[in-house]
Amino acid sequence: MPGQWWDTLLSVVKNPYVTNLVSAWLGFFSYRIYRYARSSRGQLSGTWYGEVFDESGQIVKYDLYRVKHSRENLFVTGRRLYPESQQHRTWDFQGVYRDRTVSGHYKSIDPRVKSLGAVLLIADDRGELLRGFFMTISSGSTEPGKLRVLLQKV
């Protein structure tokens, strides 16, 4: 009996349309897996936990970040964990990592939330802790403000 299903399989594989379709499918998904692996292999890639401090040093916000690091490029999606009234906030960040320094800009994914600014962070020797500042303009203000931030790799 094994010869019967084997003969059927061979007749299907010999069909050029099936072979082309399967080859295209394998090529497409192989390329996508390759791109994903390449984009997420940098030192800073992974999940990061962030604490944002006010001027007096009190923690005012907690955030969670998903980082893709490829060569010098950083692509980050962030989500607010605390305060609860801001848990709906998410944003994208694009920047570079060069000489232990992260610099770039972020903006809210939701156009109704006016969150936009710049980031400057310095990495520790192991690349598992980032310290620095978010610079932003608060609603109703004409002067940029800065908030101290500490990010730790989870």
N, C-alpha and C. Protein backbone atom coordinates (compact mmCIF):
# COMPACT_ATOMS: atom_id res chain seq x y z
N MET A 1 0.79 -1.22 0.00
CA MET A 1 0.00 0.00 0.00
C MET A 1 0.84 1.29 0.00
N PRO A 2 2.04 1.31 0.63
CA PRO A 2 2.78 2.57 0.62
C PRO A 2 3.12 3.04 -0.78
N GLY A 3 3.23 2.15 -1.72
CA GLY A 3 3.55 2.54 -3.08
C GLY A 3 2.46 3.36 -3.73
N GLN A 4 1.23 3.14 -3.33
CA GLN A 4 0.11 3.85 -3.93
C GLN A 4 0.13 5.35 -3.57
N TRP A 5 0.27 5.68 -2.30
CA TRP A 5 0.28 7.10 -1.92
C TRP A 5 1.55 7.77 -2.41
N TRP A 6 2.65 7.01 -2.47
CA TRP A 6 3.90 7.56 -2.97
C TRP A 6 3.79 7.92 -4.45
N ASP A 7 3.16 7.06 -5.22
CA ASP A 7 2.95 7.33 -6.64
C ASP A 7 2.07 8.56 -6.83
N THR A 8 1.04 8.70 -6.00
CA THR A 8 0.16 9.87 -6.08
C THR A 8 0.94 11.14 -5.75
N LEU A 9 1.76 11.10 -4.70
CA LEU A 9 2.57 12.26 -4.32
C LEU A 9 3.53 12.64 -5.43
N LEU A 10 4.18 11.67 -6.04
CA LEU A 10 5.11 11.96 -7.12
C LEU A 10 4.41 12.58 -8.33
N SER A 11 3.20 12.10 -8.62
CA SER A 11 2.48 12.67 -9.76
C SER A 11 2.09 14.13 -9.49
N VAL A 12 1.79 14.46 -8.23
CA VAL A 12 1.45 15.84 -7.88
C VAL A 12 2.70 16.72 -7.95
N VAL A 13 3.81 16.23 -7.42
CA VAL A 13 5.06 17.00 -7.42
C VAL A 13 5.58 17.22 -8.83
N LYS A 14 5.34 16.29 -9.72
CA LYS A 14 5.80 16.44 -11.09
C LYS A 14 5.02 17.48 -11.86
N ASN A 15 3.87 17.87 -11.34
CA ASN A 15 3.06 18.90 -11.98
C ASN A 15 3.79 20.24 -11.82
N PRO A 16 4.13 20.93 -12.92
CA PRO A 16 4.92 22.16 -12.80
C PRO A 16 4.18 23.28 -12.07
N TYR A 17 2.87 23.34 -12.15
CA TYR A 17 2.13 24.38 -11.44
C TYR A 17 2.24 24.20 -9.92
N VAL A 18 2.12 22.98 -9.48
CA VAL A 18 2.25 22.69 -8.04
C VAL A 18 3.67 22.97 -7.58
N THR A 19 4.65 22.53 -8.35
CA THR A 19 6.04 22.76 -8.00
C THR A 19 6.35 24.25 -7.91
N ASN A 20 5.90 25.03 -8.87
CA ASN A 20 6.12 26.48 -8.85
C ASN A 20 5.43 27.14 -7.66
N LEU A 21 4.22 26.73 -7.38
CA LEU A 21 3.47 27.30 -6.25
C LEU A 21 4.16 26.98 -4.93
N VAL A 22 4.56 25.76 -4.73
CA VAL A 22 5.25 25.36 -3.49
C VAL A 22 6.60 26.07 -3.38
N SER A 23 7.33 26.18 -4.48
CA SER A 23 8.63 26.86 -4.45
C SER A 23 8.46 28.34 -4.11
N ALA A 24 7.47 28.99 -4.69
CA ALA A 24 7.22 30.40 -4.39
C ALA A 24 6.84 30.58 -2.93
N TRP A 25 6.00 29.71 -2.43
CA TRP A 25 5.57 29.77 -1.04
C TRP A 25 6.76 29.60 -0.09
N LEU A 26 7.59 28.60 -0.35
CA LEU A 26 8.78 28.37 0.48
C LEU A 26 9.75 29.55 0.41
N GLY A 27 9.95 30.08 -0.79
CA GLY A 27 10.84 31.23 -0.94
C GLY A 27 10.33 32.45 -0.20
N PHE A 28 9.03 32.73 -0.30
CA PHE A 28 8.42 33.88 0.37
C PHE A 28 8.60 33.79 1.89
N PHE A 29 8.24 32.65 2.46
CA PHE A 29 8.33 32.51 3.91
C PHE A 29 9.76 32.40 4.41
N SER A 30 10.64 31.81 3.62
CA SER A 30 12.05 31.76 4.00
C SER A 30 12.63 33.17 4.06
N TYR A 31 12.28 34.01 3.09
CA TYR A 31 12.77 35.39 3.08
C TYR A 31 12.22 36.17 4.27
N ARG A 32 10.95 35.97 4.59
CA ARG A 32 10.36 36.68 5.74
C ARG A 32 11.02 36.26 7.05
N ILE A 33 11.30 34.98 7.21
CA ILE A 33 11.97 34.50 8.42
C ILE A 33 13.39 35.06 8.48
N TYR A 34 14.08 35.09 7.36
CA TYR A 34 15.42 35.66 7.31
C TYR A 34 15.41 37.13 7.70
N ARG A 35 14.48 37.92 7.14
CA ARG A 35 14.39 39.35 7.47
C ARG A 35 14.08 39.56 8.94
N TYR A 36 13.18 38.76 9.49
CA TYR A 36 12.83 38.90 10.90
C TYR A 36 14.04 38.60 11.78
N ALA A 37 14.74 37.53 11.48
CA ALA A 37 15.91 37.15 12.28
C ALA A 37 17.01 38.21 12.17
N ARG A 38 17.20 38.75 10.98
CA ARG A 38 18.22 39.77 10.78
C ARG A 38 17.88 41.07 11.50
N SER A 39 16.60 41.43 11.53
CA SER A 39 16.21 42.70 12.14
C SER A 39 16.20 42.65 13.64
N SER A 40 16.16 41.49 14.24
CA SER A 40 16.04 41.42 15.68
C SER A 40 17.26 40.84 16.36
N ARG A 41 18.41 40.93 15.73
CA ARG A 41 19.57 40.28 16.31
C ARG A 41 20.52 41.23 17.02
N GLY A 42 20.29 42.52 17.00
CA GLY A 42 21.20 43.48 17.62
C GLY A 42 21.21 43.38 19.14
N GLN A 43 22.23 43.96 19.72
CA GLN A 43 22.45 43.90 21.17
C GLN A 43 21.27 44.44 21.96
N LEU A 44 20.61 45.46 21.45
CA LEU A 44 19.51 46.08 22.20
C LEU A 44 18.15 45.45 21.90
N SER A 45 18.09 44.50 20.99
CA SER A 45 16.82 43.86 20.64
C SER A 45 16.23 43.15 21.85
N GLY A 46 14.91 43.24 21.95
CA GLY A 46 14.23 42.54 23.03
C GLY A 46 13.20 43.43 23.70
N THR A 47 12.83 43.05 24.91
CA THR A 47 11.84 43.78 25.69
C THR A 47 12.55 44.60 26.76
N TRP A 48 12.14 45.84 26.91
CA TRP A 48 12.72 46.76 27.88
C TRP A 48 11.62 47.32 28.77
N TYR A 49 11.97 47.58 30.02
CA TYR A 49 11.05 48.17 30.99
C TYR A 49 11.59 49.56 31.30
N GLY A 50 10.72 50.57 31.26
CA GLY A 50 11.17 51.93 31.48
C GLY A 50 10.49 52.61 32.65
N GLU A 51 11.25 53.44 33.35
CA GLU A 51 10.73 54.28 34.43
C GLU A 51 11.02 55.72 34.07
N VAL A 52 9.99 56.57 34.16
CA VAL A 52 10.13 57.99 33.85
C VAL A 52 9.99 58.76 35.17
N PHE A 53 10.93 59.68 35.40
CA PHE A 53 10.99 60.42 36.66
C PHE A 53 10.64 61.89 36.44
N ASP A 54 10.03 62.51 37.45
CA ASP A 54 9.79 63.95 37.38
C ASP A 54 11.02 64.69 37.90
N GLU A 55 10.94 66.01 38.02
CA GLU A 55 12.08 66.83 38.43
C GLU A 55 12.57 66.51 39.84
N SER A 56 11.66 66.02 40.70
CA SER A 56 12.05 65.72 42.08
C SER A 56 12.59 64.30 42.24
N GLY A 57 12.63 63.51 41.16
CA GLY A 57 13.16 62.17 41.21
C GLY A 57 12.12 61.09 41.51
N GLN A 58 10.85 61.46 41.55
CA GLN A 58 9.78 60.50 41.79
C GLN A 58 9.37 59.83 40.47
N ILE A 59 9.10 58.52 40.53
CA ILE A 59 8.65 57.81 39.34
C ILE A 59 7.22 58.23 39.03
N VAL A 60 7.00 58.70 37.80
CA VAL A 60 5.66 59.15 37.41
C VAL A 60 5.04 58.28 36.32
N LYS A 61 5.86 57.49 35.62
CA LYS A 61 5.35 56.66 34.53
C LYS A 61 6.17 55.38 34.43
N TYR A 62 5.48 54.30 34.05
CA TYR A 62 6.12 53.03 33.72
C TYR A 62 5.75 52.70 32.29
N ASP A 63 6.73 52.25 31.52
CA ASP A 63 6.49 51.90 30.12
C ASP A 63 7.10 50.55 29.80
N LEU A 64 6.62 49.94 28.72
CA LEU A 64 7.15 48.69 28.21
C LEU A 64 7.51 48.91 26.74
N TYR A 65 8.70 48.49 26.34
CA TYR A 65 9.19 48.72 24.98
C TYR A 65 9.57 47.41 24.31
N ARG A 66 9.25 47.29 23.02
CA ARG A 66 9.69 46.18 22.18
C ARG A 66 10.68 46.77 21.19
N VAL A 67 11.92 46.32 21.25
CA VAL A 67 13.01 46.92 20.47
C VAL A 67 13.50 45.95 19.41
N LYS A 68 13.64 46.46 18.19
CA LYS A 68 14.33 45.75 17.10
C LYS A 68 15.57 46.58 16.77
N HIS A 69 16.72 45.93 16.86
CA HIS A 69 18.00 46.61 16.65
C HIS A 69 18.74 45.89 15.54
N SER A 70 19.01 46.60 14.46
CA SER A 70 19.74 46.04 13.33
C SER A 70 20.79 47.05 12.89
N ARG A 71 22.04 46.62 12.94
CA ARG A 71 23.19 47.49 12.67
C ARG A 71 23.11 48.68 13.61
N GLU A 72 22.97 49.90 13.07
CA GLU A 72 22.81 51.08 13.93
C GLU A 72 21.35 51.44 14.18
N ASN A 73 20.45 50.88 13.42
CA ASN A 73 19.05 51.30 13.45
C ASN A 73 18.27 50.67 14.60
N LEU A 74 17.40 51.50 15.18
CA LEU A 74 16.50 51.05 16.24
C LEU A 74 15.07 51.35 15.82
N PHE A 75 14.20 50.36 15.99
CA PHE A 75 12.76 50.52 15.77
C PHE A 75 12.07 50.01 17.03
N VAL A 76 11.32 50.88 17.66
CA VAL A 76 10.74 50.56 18.97
C VAL A 76 9.25 50.86 18.96
N THR A 77 8.49 49.98 19.60
CA THR A 77 7.08 50.25 19.90
C THR A 77 6.95 50.27 21.41
N GLY A 78 6.38 51.34 21.93
CA GLY A 78 6.24 51.50 23.38
C GLY A 78 4.79 51.48 23.81
N ARG A 79 4.58 51.08 25.06
CA ARG A 79 3.23 51.03 25.62
C ARG A 79 3.30 51.50 27.07
N ARG A 80 2.38 52.36 27.46
CA ARG A 80 2.33 52.87 28.82
C ARG A 80 1.67 51.86 29.74
N LEU A 81 2.30 51.57 30.88
CA LEU A 81 1.75 50.67 31.88
C LEU A 81 1.12 51.42 33.05
N TYR A 82 1.71 52.57 33.41
CA TYR A 82 1.24 53.37 34.53
C TYR A 82 1.52 54.83 34.22
N PRO A 83 0.67 55.74 34.53
CA PRO A 83 -0.58 55.65 35.28
C PRO A 83 -1.70 55.00 34.47
N GLU A 84 -2.66 54.45 35.18
CA GLU A 84 -3.74 53.71 34.54
C GLU A 84 -4.51 54.56 33.54
N SER A 85 -4.62 55.84 33.79
CA SER A 85 -5.36 56.72 32.88
C SER A 85 -4.67 56.86 31.52
N GLN A 86 -3.40 56.44 31.42
CA GLN A 86 -2.65 56.55 30.17
C GLN A 86 -2.30 55.19 29.55
N GLN A 87 -2.91 54.12 30.04
CA GLN A 87 -2.56 52.79 29.54
C GLN A 87 -2.94 52.58 28.08
N HIS A 88 -3.77 53.41 27.52
CA HIS A 88 -4.14 53.30 26.11
C HIS A 88 -3.05 53.88 25.19
N ARG A 89 -2.06 54.54 25.74
CA ARG A 89 -1.05 55.22 24.93
C ARG A 89 0.00 54.25 24.41
N THR A 90 0.25 54.35 23.12
CA THR A 90 1.32 53.61 22.45
C THR A 90 2.02 54.56 21.49
N TRP A 91 3.27 54.28 21.19
CA TRP A 91 4.00 55.14 20.28
C TRP A 91 5.10 54.36 19.58
N ASP A 92 5.57 54.95 18.50
CA ASP A 92 6.68 54.39 17.73
C ASP A 92 7.91 55.27 17.94
N PHE A 93 9.06 54.64 17.94
CA PHE A 93 10.33 55.35 18.07
C PHE A 93 11.25 54.86 16.96
N GLN A 94 11.94 55.79 16.34
CA GLN A 94 12.98 55.46 15.36
C GLN A 94 14.24 56.20 15.75
N GLY A 95 15.34 55.50 15.74
CA GLY A 95 16.58 56.15 16.12
C GLY A 95 17.78 55.32 15.73
N VAL A 96 18.93 55.72 16.29
CA VAL A 96 20.18 55.04 16.02
C VAL A 96 20.88 54.74 17.34
N TYR A 97 21.71 53.70 17.30
CA TYR A 97 22.55 53.33 18.43
C TYR A 97 23.99 53.36 17.94
N ARG A 98 24.76 54.30 18.47
CA ARG A 98 26.14 54.47 18.03
C ARG A 98 26.98 54.90 19.23
N ASP A 99 28.10 54.23 19.45
CA ASP A 99 29.02 54.57 20.55
C ASP A 99 28.30 54.61 21.89
N ARG A 100 27.52 53.57 22.19
CA ARG A 100 26.77 53.44 23.44
C ARG A 100 25.72 54.53 23.62
N THR A 101 25.36 55.24 22.57
CA THR A 101 24.39 56.32 22.66
C THR A 101 23.18 56.03 21.77
N VAL A 102 21.99 56.18 22.34
CA VAL A 102 20.73 56.06 21.61
C VAL A 102 20.20 57.46 21.40
N SER A 103 19.88 57.80 20.16
CA SER A 103 19.24 59.08 19.88
C SER A 103 18.17 58.86 18.81
N GLY A 104 17.10 59.63 18.92
CA GLY A 104 16.03 59.49 17.95
C GLY A 104 14.80 60.26 18.36
N HIS A 105 13.69 59.96 17.71
CA HIS A 105 12.44 60.66 17.99
C HIS A 105 11.29 59.66 18.11
N TYR A 106 10.26 60.08 18.83
CA TYR A 106 9.09 59.23 19.00
C TYR A 106 7.84 60.03 18.70
N LYS A 107 6.77 59.31 18.36
CA LYS A 107 5.47 59.95 18.16
C LYS A 107 4.38 58.95 18.49
N SER A 108 3.25 59.47 18.90
CA SER A 108 2.12 58.63 19.27
C SER A 108 1.57 57.91 18.05
N ILE A 109 1.17 56.65 18.24
CA ILE A 109 0.51 55.91 17.16
C ILE A 109 -0.90 56.44 16.96
N ASP A 110 -1.56 56.79 18.04
CA ASP A 110 -2.92 57.34 17.99
C ASP A 110 -2.84 58.83 17.69
N PRO A 111 -3.38 59.30 16.56
CA PRO A 111 -3.27 60.72 16.22
C PRO A 111 -4.03 61.64 17.18
N ARG A 112 -4.93 61.09 17.98
CA ARG A 112 -5.66 61.91 18.95
C ARG A 112 -4.81 62.25 20.17
N VAL A 113 -3.75 61.47 20.41
CA VAL A 113 -2.86 61.72 21.54
C VAL A 113 -1.67 62.52 21.02
N LYS A 114 -1.50 63.73 21.52
CA LYS A 114 -0.43 64.62 21.07
C LYS A 114 0.85 64.33 21.86
N SER A 115 1.53 63.26 21.47
CA SER A 115 2.78 62.87 22.14
C SER A 115 3.86 62.78 21.07
N LEU A 116 4.85 63.65 21.20
CA LEU A 116 5.91 63.77 20.21
C LEU A 116 7.14 64.30 20.91
N GLY A 117 8.31 63.76 20.57
CA GLY A 117 9.51 64.27 21.21
C GLY A 117 10.77 63.58 20.75
N ALA A 118 11.84 63.87 21.47
CA ALA A 118 13.16 63.33 21.16
C ALA A 118 13.70 62.57 22.37
N VAL A 119 14.65 61.68 22.09
CA VAL A 119 15.23 60.84 23.13
C VAL A 119 16.75 60.85 23.00
N LEU A 120 17.43 60.93 24.14
CA LEU A 120 18.89 60.79 24.18
C LEU A 120 19.23 59.94 25.39
N LEU A 121 19.83 58.76 25.15
CA LEU A 121 20.13 57.79 26.20
C LEU A 121 21.57 57.30 26.06
N ILE A 122 22.17 56.94 27.19
CA ILE A 122 23.52 56.37 27.21
C ILE A 122 23.41 54.97 27.80
N ALA A 123 24.06 53.99 27.15
CA ALA A 123 24.04 52.59 27.60
C ALA A 123 25.18 52.32 28.57
N ASP A 124 24.94 51.39 29.50
CA ASP A 124 26.02 50.94 30.38
C ASP A 124 26.96 50.03 29.58
N ASP A 125 28.00 49.55 30.23
CA ASP A 125 29.01 48.74 29.53
C ASP A 125 28.45 47.45 28.95
N ARG A 126 27.45 46.86 29.61
CA ARG A 126 26.88 45.59 29.14
C ARG A 126 25.72 45.80 28.18
N GLY A 127 25.23 47.02 28.03
CA GLY A 127 24.12 47.29 27.13
C GLY A 127 22.78 46.83 27.66
N GLU A 128 22.65 46.69 28.97
CA GLU A 128 21.40 46.23 29.56
C GLU A 128 20.70 47.31 30.37
N LEU A 129 21.27 48.51 30.41
CA LEU A 129 20.69 49.62 31.14
C LEU A 129 20.92 50.89 30.34
N LEU A 130 19.87 51.65 30.11
CA LEU A 130 19.96 52.91 29.38
C LEU A 130 19.47 54.03 30.29
N ARG A 131 20.25 55.10 30.35
CA ARG A 131 19.87 56.27 31.16
C ARG A 131 19.90 57.50 30.26
N GLY A 132 18.97 58.41 30.51
CA GLY A 132 18.97 59.63 29.73
C GLY A 132 17.71 60.43 29.90
N PHE A 133 17.29 61.08 28.81
CA PHE A 133 16.17 62.01 28.87
C PHE A 133 15.23 61.86 27.68
N PHE A 134 13.94 62.09 27.94
CA PHE A 134 12.94 62.33 26.91
C PHE A 134 12.77 63.84 26.87
N MET A 135 12.75 64.41 25.71
CA MET A 135 12.47 65.83 25.56
C MET A 135 11.17 65.98 24.79
N THR A 136 10.26 66.77 25.33
CA THR A 136 8.94 66.89 24.74
C THR A 136 8.36 68.26 25.03
N ILE A 137 7.30 68.61 24.33
CA ILE A 137 6.56 69.83 24.63
C ILE A 137 5.22 69.42 25.19
N SER A 138 4.95 69.84 26.41
CA SER A 138 3.68 69.51 27.05
C SER A 138 2.57 70.32 26.41
N SER A 139 1.34 69.78 26.50
CA SER A 139 0.21 70.52 25.93
C SER A 139 0.04 71.85 26.66
N GLY A 140 -0.15 72.90 25.89
CA GLY A 140 -0.32 74.24 26.45
C GLY A 140 0.98 74.96 26.73
N SER A 141 2.11 74.31 26.52
CA SER A 141 3.40 74.93 26.79
C SER A 141 4.09 75.28 25.48
N THR A 142 4.92 76.31 25.55
CA THR A 142 5.71 76.69 24.37
C THR A 142 7.19 76.36 24.56
N GLU A 143 7.55 75.90 25.75
CA GLU A 143 8.94 75.55 26.05
C GLU A 143 9.09 74.04 26.13
N PRO A 144 10.17 73.51 25.55
CA PRO A 144 10.39 72.07 25.68
C PRO A 144 10.77 71.71 27.11
N GLY A 145 10.31 70.55 27.54
CA GLY A 145 10.66 70.05 28.86
C GLY A 145 11.40 68.73 28.71
N LYS A 146 12.05 68.33 29.79
CA LYS A 146 12.75 67.05 29.73
C LYS A 146 12.41 66.23 30.96
N LEU A 147 12.31 64.94 30.74
CA LEU A 147 12.05 64.00 31.82
C LEU A 147 13.17 62.98 31.84
N ARG A 148 13.69 62.69 33.01
CA ARG A 148 14.74 61.69 33.15
C ARG A 148 14.12 60.31 33.03
N VAL A 149 14.83 59.40 32.37
CA VAL A 149 14.30 58.05 32.13
C VAL A 149 15.38 57.02 32.37
N LEU A 150 14.96 55.85 32.84
CA LEU A 150 15.85 54.73 33.06
C LEU A 150 15.19 53.51 32.41
N LEU A 151 15.88 52.86 31.49
CA LEU A 151 15.36 51.67 30.81
C LEU A 151 16.23 50.48 31.17
N GLN A 152 15.58 49.35 31.46
CA GLN A 152 16.29 48.14 31.81
C GLN A 152 15.79 47.00 30.97
N LYS A 153 16.72 46.21 30.44
CA LYS A 153 16.34 45.07 29.60
C LYS A 153 15.71 43.99 30.47
N VAL A 154 14.58 43.46 30.00
CA VAL A 154 13.87 42.43 30.75
C VAL A 154 14.39 41.06 30.38
